Amino acid sequence: MQRYSTSGGAMCPSPPPESNAWRDQPWRPGPGSPRGPRRPKRLKHPWMTALLVIVGLLLGLGGLGALLGEDQERPSGTATPTQTSATQAPDEPHRDSGDMTKAPAETSDGPTATPTQKPKPSSTAPSGVTVLRIIDGDTLEVRGDGRVLPKDTVARVRLLEIDTPERGACFADDATARTATLLPPGSRIRAERDAELTDPYDRYLLYVWNEQETFVNESLVRSGHAKAVLYPPNDKYWPRISDAEDAARQVGAGLWTACPEQPETSIAPPDTNESPAPDTPTRLDLPDGPPAGVPDVDCSDLSGPVWVGPDDPHRLDRDGDGIGCDAN
């Protein structure tokens, strides 16, 4: 087809187009023409894409590992009962991997908490003298604590500044029972000495307080189970104990009404004109009894009978024959 140019008002043919001119022109689809292939778009943030891909791969690997772990934990159909009981008790619920990982942590908490507990402070209170047995109202047997008395030594204690009735005499059993009530065997006592610690019979001369802090020496006198007797130089609590006897006498407590005092019999001077009676007892070959002026002595402190004569300062002769502690 021949084209004509209209320039200059004359119709003249236009030059033919070059054969390769279409290659330099961009292709533009015309109306109704099919769309050609599109060029791929470049991503604005390629590093974001790479990060998303890596995260997806990690999540996928994690899910795959969890599936493999569950398959390993599930018992196979051919597992024997002994294998099941070795791994898990029949009556216990199935534990997942999370519980299995928490169990060691719970058991490890126990030993770590134990050292944090502070031990209880040991008691520093003194053990005290232990009462072993009551011999009579004013004499007892104890075990020492290493203070006044030698530690772990069995010793006999004589209560100071008091005197209870001897065994077999009026109110003696009552006095012994009262002392056993104040000082029960197995209990602890607080002991205090005076100027002299022991007497000639190796008894410890002491003032005694029981576990209730009752002054036993004074209590026995105040209740009428003992008399107040002073043996110098041990007179530390004499005003207190003598006042207790005055109070017991006024109210007639204990032995002051139960045991009337026996009138003292005076010994008539011997008549030189009369010969001694043929039945007058003569002194036997016996050791002398304890002298006066020491704390009261009981027959339990002596190994056998003794000659006390007519004086008998410790009232050891019950039948008046001049021999004390006949039953020993």
C-alpha atoms as a PDB file:
ATOM      1  CA  MET A   1       0.000   0.000   0.000  1.00  0.00           C
ATOM      2  CA  GLN A   2       1.431   3.403  -0.957  1.00  0.00           C
ATOM      3  CA  ARG A   3       1.265   6.297   1.396  1.00  0.00           C
ATOM      4  CA  TYR A   4       1.071   9.957   0.407  1.00  0.00           C
ATOM      5  CA  SER A   5       2.313  12.949   2.231  1.00  0.00           C
ATOM      6  CA  THR A   6       0.049  16.004   2.628  1.00  0.00           C
ATOM      7  CA  SER A   7       2.785  18.525   3.361  1.00  0.00           C
ATOM      8  CA  GLY A   8       2.665  21.544   1.119  1.00  0.00           C
ATOM      9  CA  GLY A   9      -0.858  20.726   0.067  1.00  0.00           C
ATOM     10  CA  ALA A  10       0.324  18.356  -2.606  1.00  0.00           C
ATOM     11  CA  MET A  11      -0.175  14.733  -2.483  1.00  0.00           C
ATOM     12  CA  CYS A  12       3.101  12.936  -2.711  1.00  0.00           C
ATOM     13  CA  PRO A  13       4.102   9.519  -1.767  1.00  0.00           C
ATOM     14  CA  SER A  14       5.846   9.058   1.727  1.00  0.00           C
ATOM     15  CA  PRO A  15       9.072   7.205   2.006  1.00  0.00           C
ATOM     16  CA  PRO A  16       8.770   3.561   2.885  1.00  0.00           C
ATOM     17  CA  PRO A  17       9.445   2.704   6.575  1.00  0.00           C
ATOM     18  CA  GLU A  18      12.635   1.123   7.539  1.00  0.00           C
ATOM     19  CA  SER A  19      12.526  -2.570   8.022  1.00  0.00           C
ATOM     20  CA  ASN A  20      14.139  -2.588  11.510  1.00  0.00           C
ATOM     21  CA  ALA A  21      12.492   0.533  12.930  1.00  0.00           C
ATOM     22  CA  TRP A  22       9.942  -1.494  14.880  1.00  0.00           C
ATOM     23  CA  ARG A  23      12.673  -3.002  17.029  1.00  0.00           C
ATOM     24  CA  ASP A  24      13.515   0.417  18.559  1.00  0.00           C
ATOM     25  CA  GLN A  25       9.923   1.183  19.500  1.00  0.00           C
ATOM     26  CA  PRO A  26       8.477  -0.199  22.752  1.00  0.00           C
ATOM     27  CA  TRP A  27       5.687  -2.642  22.268  1.00  0.00           C
ATOM     28  CA  ARG A  28       2.311  -1.295  23.160  1.00  0.00           C
ATOM     29  CA  PRO A  29      -0.638  -3.402  22.837  1.00  0.00           C
ATOM     30  CA  GLY A  30      -3.398  -1.999  20.916  1.00  0.00           C
ATOM     31  CA  PRO A  31      -6.998  -2.122  21.734  1.00  0.00           C
ATOM     32  CA  GLY A  32      -8.272  -5.643  21.504  1.00  0.00           C
ATOM     33  CA  SER A  33      -4.812  -7.138  21.122  1.00  0.00           C
ATOM     34  CA  PRO A  34      -3.738  -9.927  23.502  1.00  0.00           C
ATOM     35  CA  ARG A  35      -1.538  -9.013  26.489  1.00  0.00           C
ATOM     36  CA  GLY A  36       2.003 -10.109  26.232  1.00  0.00           C
ATOM     37  CA  PRO A  37       4.183 -11.669  28.981  1.00  0.00           C
ATOM     38  CA  ARG A  38       4.876  -9.533  32.050  1.00  0.00           C
ATOM     39  CA  ARG A  39       8.239  -8.961  33.481  1.00  0.00           C
ATOM     40  CA  PRO A  40       8.749 -10.262  37.095  1.00  0.00           C
ATOM     41  CA  LYS A  41       8.528  -7.667  39.811  1.00  0.00           C
ATOM     42  CA  ARG A  42      11.513  -7.145  42.018  1.00  0.00           C
ATOM     43  CA  LEU A  43      10.990  -7.429  45.807  1.00  0.00           C
ATOM     44  CA  LYS A  44      11.565  -4.292  47.780  1.00  0.00           C
ATOM     45  CA  HIS A  45      12.908  -6.148  50.906  1.00  0.00           C
ATOM     46  CA  PRO A  46      14.597  -9.421  49.957  1.00  0.00           C
ATOM     47  CA  TRP A  47      16.067  -9.930  53.466  1.00  0.00           C
ATOM     48  CA  MET A  48      12.550 -10.035  54.957  1.00  0.00           C
ATOM     49  CA  THR A  49      11.618 -12.833  52.597  1.00  0.00           C
ATOM     50  CA  ALA A  50      14.705 -14.796  53.539  1.00  0.00           C
ATOM     51  CA  LEU A  51      13.912 -14.396  57.251  1.00  0.00           C
ATOM     52  CA  LEU A  52      10.349 -15.631  56.764  1.00  0.00           C
ATOM     53  CA  VAL A  53      11.613 -18.654  54.871  1.00  0.00           C
ATOM     54  CA  ILE A  54      14.076 -19.519  57.659  1.00  0.00           C
ATOM     55  CA  VAL A  55      11.400 -19.192  60.357  1.00  0.00           C
ATOM     56  CA  GLY A  56       9.082 -21.433  58.372  1.00  0.00           C
ATOM     57  CA  LEU A  57      11.793 -24.058  58.004  1.00  0.00           C
ATOM     58  CA  LEU A  58      12.496 -24.004  61.752  1.00  0.00           C
ATOM     59  CA  LEU A  59       8.819 -24.386  62.622  1.00  0.00           C
ATOM     60  CA  GLY A  60       8.501 -27.241  60.229  1.00  0.00           C
ATOM     61  CA  LEU A  61      11.513 -29.035  61.673  1.00  0.00           C
ATOM     62  CA  GLY A  62      10.207 -28.530  65.225  1.00  0.00           C
ATOM     63  CA  GLY A  63       6.830 -30.019  64.389  1.00  0.00           C
ATOM     64  CA  LEU A  64       8.501 -32.954  62.703  1.00  0.00           C
ATOM     65  CA  GLY A  65      10.676 -33.589  65.789  1.00  0.00           C
ATOM     66  CA  ALA A  66       7.626 -33.526  68.074  1.00  0.00           C
ATOM     67  CA  LEU A  67       5.879 -36.081  65.894  1.00  0.00           C
ATOM     68  CA  LEU A  68       8.920 -38.333  65.937  1.00  0.00           C
ATOM     69  CA  GLY A  69       9.186 -38.032  69.755  1.00  0.00           C
ATOM     70  CA  GLU A  70       5.549 -39.020  70.264  1.00  0.00           C
ATOM     71  CA  ASP A  71       6.006 -42.016  68.019  1.00  0.00           C
ATOM     72  CA  GLN A  72       8.983 -43.167  70.091  1.00  0.00           C
ATOM     73  CA  GLU A  73       7.092 -42.769  73.397  1.00  0.00           C
ATOM     74  CA  ARG A  74       4.066 -44.722  72.303  1.00  0.00           C
ATOM     75  CA  PRO A  75       4.429 -48.406  73.258  1.00  0.00           C
ATOM     76  CA  SER A  76       4.432 -50.695  70.307  1.00  0.00           C
ATOM     77  CA  GLY A  77       1.851 -53.403  69.887  1.00  0.00           C
ATOM     78  CA  THR A  78       4.429 -56.118  70.533  1.00  0.00           C
ATOM     79  CA  ALA A  79       5.724 -54.629  73.841  1.00  0.00           C
ATOM     80  CA  THR A  80       5.688 -57.093  76.734  1.00  0.00           C
ATOM     81  CA  PRO A  81       3.977 -56.321  80.092  1.00  0.00           C
ATOM     82  CA  THR A  82       7.336 -56.335  81.849  1.00  0.00           C
ATOM     83  CA  GLN A  83       8.592 -53.498  79.658  1.00  0.00           C
ATOM     84  CA  THR A  84       5.500 -51.432  80.400  1.00  0.00           C
ATOM     85  CA  SER A  85       5.802 -51.906  84.154  1.00  0.00           C
ATOM     86  CA  ALA A  86       9.483 -50.985  84.098  1.00  0.00           C
ATOM     87  CA  THR A  87       8.833 -47.631  82.505  1.00  0.00           C
ATOM     88  CA  GLN A  88       5.489 -46.737  84.088  1.00  0.00           C
ATOM     89  CA  ALA A  89       3.326 -48.159  86.867  1.00  0.00           C
ATOM     90  CA  PRO A  90       0.026 -49.642  85.615  1.00  0.00           C
ATOM     91  CA  ASP A  91      -2.125 -47.547  87.917  1.00  0.00           C
ATOM     92  CA  GLU A  92      -0.334 -44.247  87.235  1.00  0.00           C
ATOM     93  CA  PRO A  93      -1.550 -41.880  84.487  1.00  0.00           C
ATOM     94  CA  HIS A  94       0.561 -41.424  81.397  1.00  0.00           C
ATOM     95  CA  ARG A  95       3.022 -38.585  81.708  1.00  0.00           C
ATOM     96  CA  ASP A  96       4.087 -36.563  78.724  1.00  0.00           C
ATOM     97  CA  SER A  97       7.596 -35.322  78.044  1.00  0.00           C
ATOM     98  CA  GLY A  98       6.918 -32.103  79.936  1.00  0.00           C
ATOM     99  CA  ASP A  99       6.144 -33.948  83.178  1.00  0.00           C
ATOM    100  CA  MET A 100       9.206 -36.128  82.752  1.00  0.00           C
ATOM    101  CA  THR A 101      11.440 -33.122  82.504  1.00  0.00           C
ATOM    102  CA  LYS A 102       9.895 -31.478  85.580  1.00  0.00           C
ATOM    103  CA  ALA A 103      10.253 -34.491  87.888  1.00  0.00           C
ATOM    104  CA  PRO A 104      14.041 -34.203  88.431  1.00  0.00           C
ATOM    105  CA  ALA A 105      13.659 -30.506  89.227  1.00  0.00           C
ATOM    106  CA  GLU A 106      11.049 -31.226  91.932  1.00  0.00           C
ATOM    107  CA  THR A 107      13.170 -33.900  93.591  1.00  0.00           C
ATOM    108  CA  SER A 108      16.239 -31.685  93.524  1.00  0.00           C
ATOM    109  CA  ASP A 109      14.408 -28.948  95.447  1.00  0.00           C
ATOM    110  CA  GLY A 110      14.260 -31.059  98.635  1.00  0.00           C
ATOM    111  CA  PRO A 111      17.999 -31.382  99.406  1.00  0.00           C
ATOM    112  CA  THR A 112      18.665 -27.748  98.541  1.00  0.00           C
ATOM    113  CA  ALA A 113      15.990 -26.527 101.007  1.00  0.00           C
ATOM    114  CA  THR A 114      17.287 -28.589 103.918  1.00  0.00           C
ATOM    115  CA  PRO A 115      20.581 -26.672 104.515  1.00  0.00           C
ATOM    116  CA  THR A 116      18.656 -23.402 104.709  1.00  0.00           C
ATOM    117  CA  GLN A 117      16.840 -24.554 107.868  1.00  0.00           C
ATOM    118  CA  LYS A 118      18.568 -23.217 110.958  1.00  0.00           C
ATOM    119  CA  PRO A 119      19.228 -25.802 113.692  1.00  0.00           C
ATOM    120  CA  LYS A 120      17.535 -25.229 117.009  1.00  0.00           C
ATOM    121  CA  PRO A 121      19.879 -23.735 119.610  1.00  0.00           C
ATOM    122  CA  SER A 122      20.922 -26.212 122.252  1.00  0.00           C
ATOM    123  CA  SER A 123      19.707 -25.593 125.761  1.00  0.00           C
ATOM    124  CA  THR A 124      22.268 -24.019 128.066  1.00  0.00           C
ATOM    125  CA  ALA A 125      20.239 -24.567 131.240  1.00  0.00           C
ATOM    126  CA  PRO A 126      22.093 -26.565 133.912  1.00  0.00           C
ATOM    127  CA  SER A 127      20.954 -30.148 134.336  1.00  0.00           C
ATOM    128  CA  GLY A 128      20.744 -29.934 138.145  1.00  0.00           C
ATOM    129  CA  VAL A 129      21.128 -32.588 140.837  1.00  0.00           C
ATOM    130  CA  THR A 130      18.934 -35.643 140.245  1.00  0.00           C
ATOM    131  CA  VAL A 131      16.978 -37.226 143.098  1.00  0.00           C
ATOM    132  CA  LEU A 132      17.471 -41.010 143.221  1.00  0.00           C
ATOM    133  CA  ARG A 133      15.565 -42.019 146.365  1.00  0.00           C
ATOM    134  CA  ILE A 134      14.229 -40.726 149.677  1.00  0.00           C
ATOM    135  CA  ILE A 135      15.770 -42.369 152.740  1.00  0.00           C
ATOM    136  CA  ASP A 136      13.692 -40.567 155.358  1.00  0.00           C
ATOM    137  CA  GLY A 137      12.218 -37.151 155.975  1.00  0.00           C
ATOM    138  CA  ASP A 138      15.519 -35.242 156.059  1.00  0.00           C
ATOM    139  CA  THR A 139      17.874 -37.536 154.128  1.00  0.00           C
ATOM    140  CA  LEU A 140      17.939 -38.401 150.430  1.00  0.00           C
ATOM    141  CA  GLU A 141      20.214 -39.938 147.835  1.00  0.00           C
ATOM    142  CA  VAL A 142      21.084 -37.943 144.719  1.00  0.00           C
ATOM    143  CA  ARG A 143      23.328 -37.912 141.649  1.00  0.00           C
ATOM    144  CA  GLY A 144      25.653 -34.906 141.397  1.00  0.00           C
ATOM    145  CA  ASP A 145      25.798 -32.445 138.518  1.00  0.00           C
ATOM    146  CA  GLY A 146      29.412 -31.266 138.857  1.00  0.00           C
ATOM    147  CA  ARG A 147      28.671 -28.077 140.791  1.00  0.00           C
ATOM    148  CA  VAL A 148      28.128 -28.480 144.519  1.00  0.00           C
ATOM    149  CA  LEU A 149      28.252 -32.263 144.216  1.00  0.00           C
ATOM    150  CA  PRO A 150      30.749 -34.226 142.085  1.00  0.00           C
ATOM    151  CA  LYS A 151      29.378 -34.951 138.617  1.00  0.00           C
ATOM    152  CA  ASP A 152      27.634 -38.332 138.202  1.00  0.00           C
ATOM    153  CA  THR A 153      28.534 -39.292 141.769  1.00  0.00           C
ATOM    154  CA  VAL A 154      25.874 -40.899 143.966  1.00  0.00           C
ATOM    155  CA  ALA A 155      25.857 -39.010 147.260  1.00  0.00           C
ATOM    156  CA  ARG A 156      23.744 -38.854 150.401  1.00  0.00           C
ATOM    157  CA  VAL A 157      22.323 -35.433 151.293  1.00  0.00           C
ATOM    158  CA  ARG A 158      21.271 -34.268 154.747  1.00  0.00           C
ATOM    159  CA  LEU A 159      18.925 -31.278 154.742  1.00  0.00           C
ATOM    160  CA  LEU A 160      20.377 -28.461 156.838  1.00  0.00           C
ATOM    161  CA  GLU A 161      18.763 -26.807 159.887  1.00  0.00           C
ATOM    162  CA  ILE A 162      15.886 -29.290 160.172  1.00  0.00           C
ATOM    163  CA  ASP A 163      15.190 -32.592 161.909  1.00  0.00           C
ATOM    164  CA  THR A 164      12.378 -35.005 161.081  1.00  0.00           C
ATOM    165  CA  PRO A 165      11.178 -37.892 163.295  1.00  0.00           C
ATOM    166  CA  GLU A 166      13.268 -41.056 163.112  1.00  0.00           C
ATOM    167  CA  ARG A 167      11.898 -44.161 161.460  1.00  0.00           C
ATOM    168  CA  GLY A 168       9.494 -45.907 163.779  1.00  0.00           C
ATOM    169  CA  ALA A 169       8.743 -42.732 165.736  1.00  0.00           C
ATOM    170  CA  CYS A 170       5.552 -40.706 165.680  1.00  0.00           C
ATOM    171  CA  PHE A 171       4.902 -38.910 162.385  1.00  0.00           C
ATOM    172  CA  ALA A 172       8.046 -40.384 160.760  1.00  0.00           C
ATOM    173  CA  ASP A 173       6.160 -41.978 157.873  1.00  0.00           C
ATOM    174  CA  ASP A 174       4.254 -38.748 157.247  1.00  0.00           C
ATOM    175  CA  ALA A 175       7.505 -36.773 157.104  1.00  0.00           C
ATOM    176  CA  THR A 176       9.061 -39.244 154.660  1.00  0.00           C
ATOM    177  CA  ALA A 177       5.980 -39.133 152.444  1.00  0.00           C
ATOM    178  CA  ARG A 178       5.975 -35.327 152.458  1.00  0.00           C
ATOM    179  CA  THR A 179       9.636 -35.208 151.415  1.00  0.00           C
ATOM    180  CA  ALA A 180       8.946 -37.695 148.613  1.00  0.00           C
ATOM    181  CA  THR A 181       6.131 -35.434 147.403  1.00  0.00           C
ATOM    182  CA  LEU A 182       8.362 -32.368 147.344  1.00  0.00           C
ATOM    183  CA  LEU A 183      11.348 -34.270 145.898  1.00  0.00           C
ATOM    184  CA  PRO A 184      10.032 -37.173 143.786  1.00  0.00           C
ATOM    185  CA  PRO A 185      12.701 -39.590 142.516  1.00  0.00           C
ATOM    186  CA  GLY A 186      13.893 -38.609 139.068  1.00  0.00           C
ATOM    187  CA  SER A 187      13.248 -34.901 139.585  1.00  0.00           C
ATOM    188  CA  ARG A 188      15.937 -32.199 139.516  1.00  0.00           C
ATOM    189  CA  ILE A 189      16.855 -30.011 142.456  1.00  0.00           C
ATOM    190  CA  ARG A 190      18.929 -26.902 143.033  1.00  0.00           C
ATOM    191  CA  ALA A 191      21.392 -27.351 145.894  1.00  0.00           C
ATOM    192  CA  GLU A 192      23.203 -24.755 147.974  1.00  0.00           C
ATOM    193  CA  ARG A 193      25.876 -25.310 150.602  1.00  0.00           C
ATOM    194  CA  ASP A 194      26.791 -23.489 153.799  1.00  0.00           C
ATOM    195  CA  ALA A 195      30.049 -23.151 155.724  1.00  0.00           C
ATOM    196  CA  GLU A 196      30.485 -26.925 156.019  1.00  0.00           C
ATOM    197  CA  LEU A 197      29.874 -29.112 152.992  1.00  0.00           C
ATOM    198  CA  THR A 198      30.007 -32.547 154.623  1.00  0.00           C
ATOM    199  CA  ASP A 199      29.666 -34.068 158.060  1.00  0.00           C
ATOM    200  CA  PRO A 200      31.741 -36.846 159.725  1.00  0.00           C
ATOM    201  CA  TYR A 201      29.500 -39.432 158.015  1.00  0.00           C
ATOM    202  CA  ASP A 202      30.321 -38.132 154.503  1.00  0.00           C
ATOM    203  CA  ARG A 203      26.847 -36.731 154.019  1.00  0.00           C
ATOM    204  CA  TYR A 204      26.497 -33.511 152.076  1.00  0.00           C
ATOM    205  CA  LEU A 205      24.866 -30.773 154.145  1.00  0.00           C
ATOM    206  CA  LEU A 206      22.687 -28.748 151.784  1.00  0.00           C
ATOM    207  CA  TYR A 207      19.753 -26.443 151.342  1.00  0.00           C
ATOM    208  CA  VAL A 208      17.504 -27.748 148.564  1.00  0.00           C
ATOM    209  CA  TRP A 209      14.969 -26.235 146.139  1.00  0.00           C
ATOM    210  CA  ASN A 210      12.788 -28.449 143.955  1.00  0.00           C
ATOM    211  CA  GLU A 211      11.722 -27.922 140.332  1.00  0.00           C
ATOM    212  CA  GLN A 212       8.918 -25.568 141.443  1.00  0.00           C
ATOM    213  CA  GLU A 213      11.509 -23.466 143.333  1.00  0.00           C
ATOM    214  CA  THR A 214      10.075 -24.493 146.709  1.00  0.00           C
ATOM    215  CA  PHE A 215      12.589 -24.177 149.530  1.00  0.00           C
ATOM    216  CA  VAL A 216      12.222 -27.740 150.834  1.00  0.00           C
ATOM    217  CA  ASN A 217      14.011 -27.229 154.165  1.00  0.00           C
ATOM    218  CA  GLU A 218      11.674 -24.407 155.153  1.00  0.00           C
ATOM    219  CA  SER A 219       8.570 -26.072 153.692  1.00  0.00           C
ATOM    220  CA  LEU A 220       8.980 -29.204 155.830  1.00  0.00           C
ATOM    221  CA  VAL A 221       9.242 -27.113 158.997  1.00  0.00           C
ATOM    222  CA  ARG A 222       6.325 -24.834 158.099  1.00  0.00           C
ATOM    223  CA  SER A 223       3.992 -27.782 157.426  1.00  0.00           C
ATOM    224  CA  GLY A 224       4.908 -29.425 160.751  1.00  0.00           C
ATOM    225  CA  HIS A 225       6.797 -32.363 159.265  1.00  0.00           C
ATOM    226  CA  ALA A 226      10.138 -31.290 160.777  1.00  0.00           C
ATOM    227  CA  LYS A 227      11.583 -29.226 163.591  1.00  0.00           C
ATOM    228  CA  ALA A 228      14.062 -26.402 163.214  1.00  0.00           C
ATOM    229  CA  VAL A 229      17.457 -27.407 164.617  1.00  0.00           C
ATOM    230  CA  LEU A 230      20.591 -25.271 164.395  1.00  0.00           C
ATOM    231  CA  TYR A 231      23.979 -26.861 163.879  1.00  0.00           C
ATOM    232  CA  PRO A 232      26.612 -24.098 163.826  1.00  0.00           C
ATOM    233  CA  PRO A 233      28.353 -22.836 161.832  1.00  0.00           C
ATOM    234  CA  ASN A 234      25.712 -23.663 159.204  1.00  0.00           C
ATOM    235  CA  ASP A 235      23.192 -20.915 159.959  1.00  0.00           C
ATOM    236  CA  LYS A 236      22.652 -19.146 156.633  1.00  0.00           C
ATOM    237  CA  TYR A 237      18.837 -19.509 156.617  1.00  0.00           C
ATOM    238  CA  TRP A 238      18.259 -19.942 160.323  1.00  0.00           C
ATOM    239  CA  PRO A 239      16.030 -16.841 160.831  1.00  0.00           C
ATOM    240  CA  ARG A 240      13.790 -17.963 157.996  1.00  0.00           C
ATOM    241  CA  ILE A 241      13.534 -21.597 159.134  1.00  0.00           C
ATOM    242  CA  SER A 242      13.064 -20.757 162.823  1.00  0.00           C
ATOM    243  CA  ASP A 243      10.238 -18.374 161.922  1.00  0.00           C
ATOM    244  CA  ALA A 244       8.598 -21.230 159.989  1.00  0.00           C
ATOM    245  CA  GLU A 245       8.656 -23.393 163.131  1.00  0.00           C
ATOM    246  CA  ASP A 246       7.043 -20.618 165.188  1.00  0.00           C
ATOM    247  CA  ALA A 247       4.234 -20.421 162.629  1.00  0.00           C
ATOM    248  CA  ALA A 248       3.745 -24.214 162.652  1.00  0.00           C
ATOM    249  CA  ARG A 249       3.597 -24.282 166.467  1.00  0.00           C
ATOM    250  CA  GLN A 250       0.970 -21.545 166.572  1.00  0.00           C
ATOM    251  CA  VAL A 251      -1.416 -23.405 164.262  1.00  0.00           C
ATOM    252  CA  GLY A 252      -0.536 -26.864 165.589  1.00  0.00           C
ATOM    253  CA  ALA A 253       0.559 -28.168 162.208  1.00  0.00           C
ATOM    254  CA  GLY A 254       1.744 -31.732 161.736  1.00  0.00           C
ATOM    255  CA  LEU A 255       3.731 -33.292 164.536  1.00  0.00           C
ATOM    256  CA  TRP A 256       2.974 -30.421 166.948  1.00  0.00           C
ATOM    257  CA  THR A 257      -0.500 -31.865 167.534  1.00  0.00           C
ATOM    258  CA  ALA A 258      -0.122 -35.440 166.246  1.00  0.00           C
ATOM    259  CA  CYS A 259       2.804 -36.220 168.512  1.00  0.00           C
ATOM    260  CA  PRO A 260       2.576 -34.774 172.041  1.00  0.00           C
ATOM    261  CA  GLU A 261       5.936 -34.113 173.537  1.00  0.00           C
ATOM    262  CA  GLN A 262       7.145 -36.736 175.968  1.00  0.00           C
ATOM    263  CA  PRO A 263       8.101 -35.331 179.387  1.00  0.00           C
ATOM    264  CA  GLU A 264      11.794 -35.498 179.975  1.00  0.00           C
ATOM    265  CA  THR A 265      12.710 -37.860 182.771  1.00  0.00           C
ATOM    266  CA  SER A 266      15.493 -36.826 185.054  1.00  0.00           C
ATOM    267  CA  ILE A 267      17.974 -39.419 186.102  1.00  0.00           C
ATOM    268  CA  ALA A 268      18.238 -39.716 189.884  1.00  0.00           C
ATOM    269  CA  PRO A 269      21.739 -39.624 191.298  1.00  0.00           C
ATOM    270  CA  PRO A 270      22.978 -43.027 192.293  1.00  0.00           C
ATOM    271  CA  ASP A 271      22.649 -43.971 195.988  1.00  0.00           C
ATOM    272  CA  THR A 272      26.016 -44.864 197.312  1.00  0.00           C
ATOM    273  CA  ASN A 273      24.485 -46.816 200.184  1.00  0.00           C
ATOM    274  CA  GLU A 274      22.621 -49.154 197.886  1.00  0.00           C
ATOM    275  CA  SER A 275      24.316 -51.677 195.720  1.00  0.00           C
ATOM    276  CA  PRO A 276      23.413 -51.677 192.051  1.00  0.00           C
ATOM    277  CA  ALA A 277      20.623 -53.950 191.025  1.00  0.00           C
ATOM    278  CA  PRO A 278      21.782 -57.237 189.697  1.00  0.00           C
ATOM    279  CA  ASP A 279      19.817 -56.735 186.473  1.00  0.00           C
ATOM    280  CA  THR A 280      21.416 -53.357 185.616  1.00  0.00           C
ATOM    281  CA  PRO A 281      22.563 -53.590 182.001  1.00  0.00           C
ATOM    282  CA  THR A 282      26.241 -53.313 181.502  1.00  0.00           C
ATOM    283  CA  ARG A 283      27.833 -51.695 178.498  1.00  0.00           C
ATOM    284  CA  LEU A 284      28.426 -54.102 175.664  1.00  0.00           C
ATOM    285  CA  ASP A 285      31.444 -54.031 173.432  1.00  0.00           C
ATOM    286  CA  LEU A 286      29.895 -51.588 170.937  1.00  0.00           C
ATOM    287  CA  PRO A 287      31.247 -48.492 169.231  1.00  0.00           C
ATOM    288  CA  ASP A 288      30.236 -45.135 170.641  1.00  0.00           C
ATOM    289  CA  GLY A 289      27.300 -43.423 169.036  1.00  0.00           C
ATOM    290  CA  PRO A 290      27.588 -40.122 167.204  1.00  0.00           C
ATOM    291  CA  PRO A 291      28.424 -37.197 169.477  1.00  0.00           C
ATOM    292  CA  ALA A 292      26.180 -34.231 169.966  1.00  0.00           C
ATOM    293  CA  GLY A 293      26.725 -31.046 168.020  1.00  0.00           C
ATOM    294  CA  VAL A 294      26.688 -32.527 164.522  1.00  0.00           C
ATOM    295  CA  PRO A 295      23.677 -32.651 162.205  1.00  0.00           C
ATOM    296  CA  ASP A 296      21.182 -35.236 163.269  1.00  0.00           C
ATOM    297  CA  VAL A 297      22.197 -38.820 162.537  1.00  0.00           C
ATOM    298  CA  ASP A 298      19.772 -41.581 161.624  1.00  0.00           C
ATOM    299  CA  CYS A 299      20.174 -45.310 162.068  1.00  0.00           C
ATOM    300  CA  SER A 300      20.375 -45.560 158.275  1.00  0.00           C
ATOM    301  CA  ASP A 301      23.686 -43.689 158.502  1.00  0.00           C
ATOM    302  CA  LEU A 302      25.202 -46.271 160.856  1.00  0.00           C
ATOM    303  CA  SER A 303      26.455 -49.693 159.932  1.00  0.00           C
ATOM    304  CA  GLY A 304      25.311 -51.377 163.147  1.00  0.00           C
ATOM    305  CA  PRO A 305      24.214 -50.918 166.760  1.00  0.00           C
ATOM    306  CA  VAL A 306      26.065 -48.282 168.817  1.00  0.00           C
ATOM    307  CA  TRP A 307      26.351 -47.427 172.499  1.00  0.00           C
ATOM    308  CA  VAL A 308      24.492 -44.192 173.193  1.00  0.00           C
ATOM    309  CA  GLY A 309      24.194 -44.348 177.002  1.00  0.00           C
ATOM    310  CA  PRO A 310      21.543 -42.415 178.893  1.00  0.00           C
ATOM    311  CA  ASP A 311      22.060 -39.164 176.954  1.00  0.00           C
ATOM    312  CA  ASP A 312      21.257 -40.397 173.397  1.00  0.00           C
ATOM    313  CA  PRO A 313      21.545 -36.923 171.744  1.00  0.00           C
ATOM    314  CA  HIS A 314      20.208 -38.227 168.414  1.00  0.00           C
ATOM    315  CA  ARG A 315      17.358 -40.315 169.878  1.00  0.00           C
ATOM    316  CA  LEU A 316      18.627 -43.598 168.476  1.00  0.00           C
ATOM    317  CA  ASP A 317      17.660 -45.713 171.523  1.00  0.00           C
ATOM    318  CA  ARG A 318      13.967 -46.598 171.326  1.00  0.00           C
ATOM    319  CA  ASP A 319      13.794 -49.070 174.222  1.00  0.00           C
ATOM    320  CA  GLY A 320      15.984 -47.207 176.750  1.00  0.00           C
ATOM    321  CA  ASP A 321      18.616 -49.908 177.121  1.00  0.00           C
ATOM    322  CA  GLY A 322      21.480 -47.589 176.149  1.00  0.00           C
ATOM    323  CA  ILE A 323      21.963 -49.234 172.743  1.00  0.00           C
ATOM    324  CA  GLY A 324      20.976 -47.320 169.665  1.00  0.00           C
ATOM    325  CA  CYS A 325      19.898 -48.778 166.329  1.00  0.00           C
ATOM    326  CA  ASP A 326      19.356 -52.301 167.671  1.00  0.00           C
ATOM    327  CA  ALA A 327      17.782 -53.392 164.394  1.00  0.00           C
ATOM    328  CA  ASN A 328      20.869 -52.618 162.291  1.00  0.00           C
END
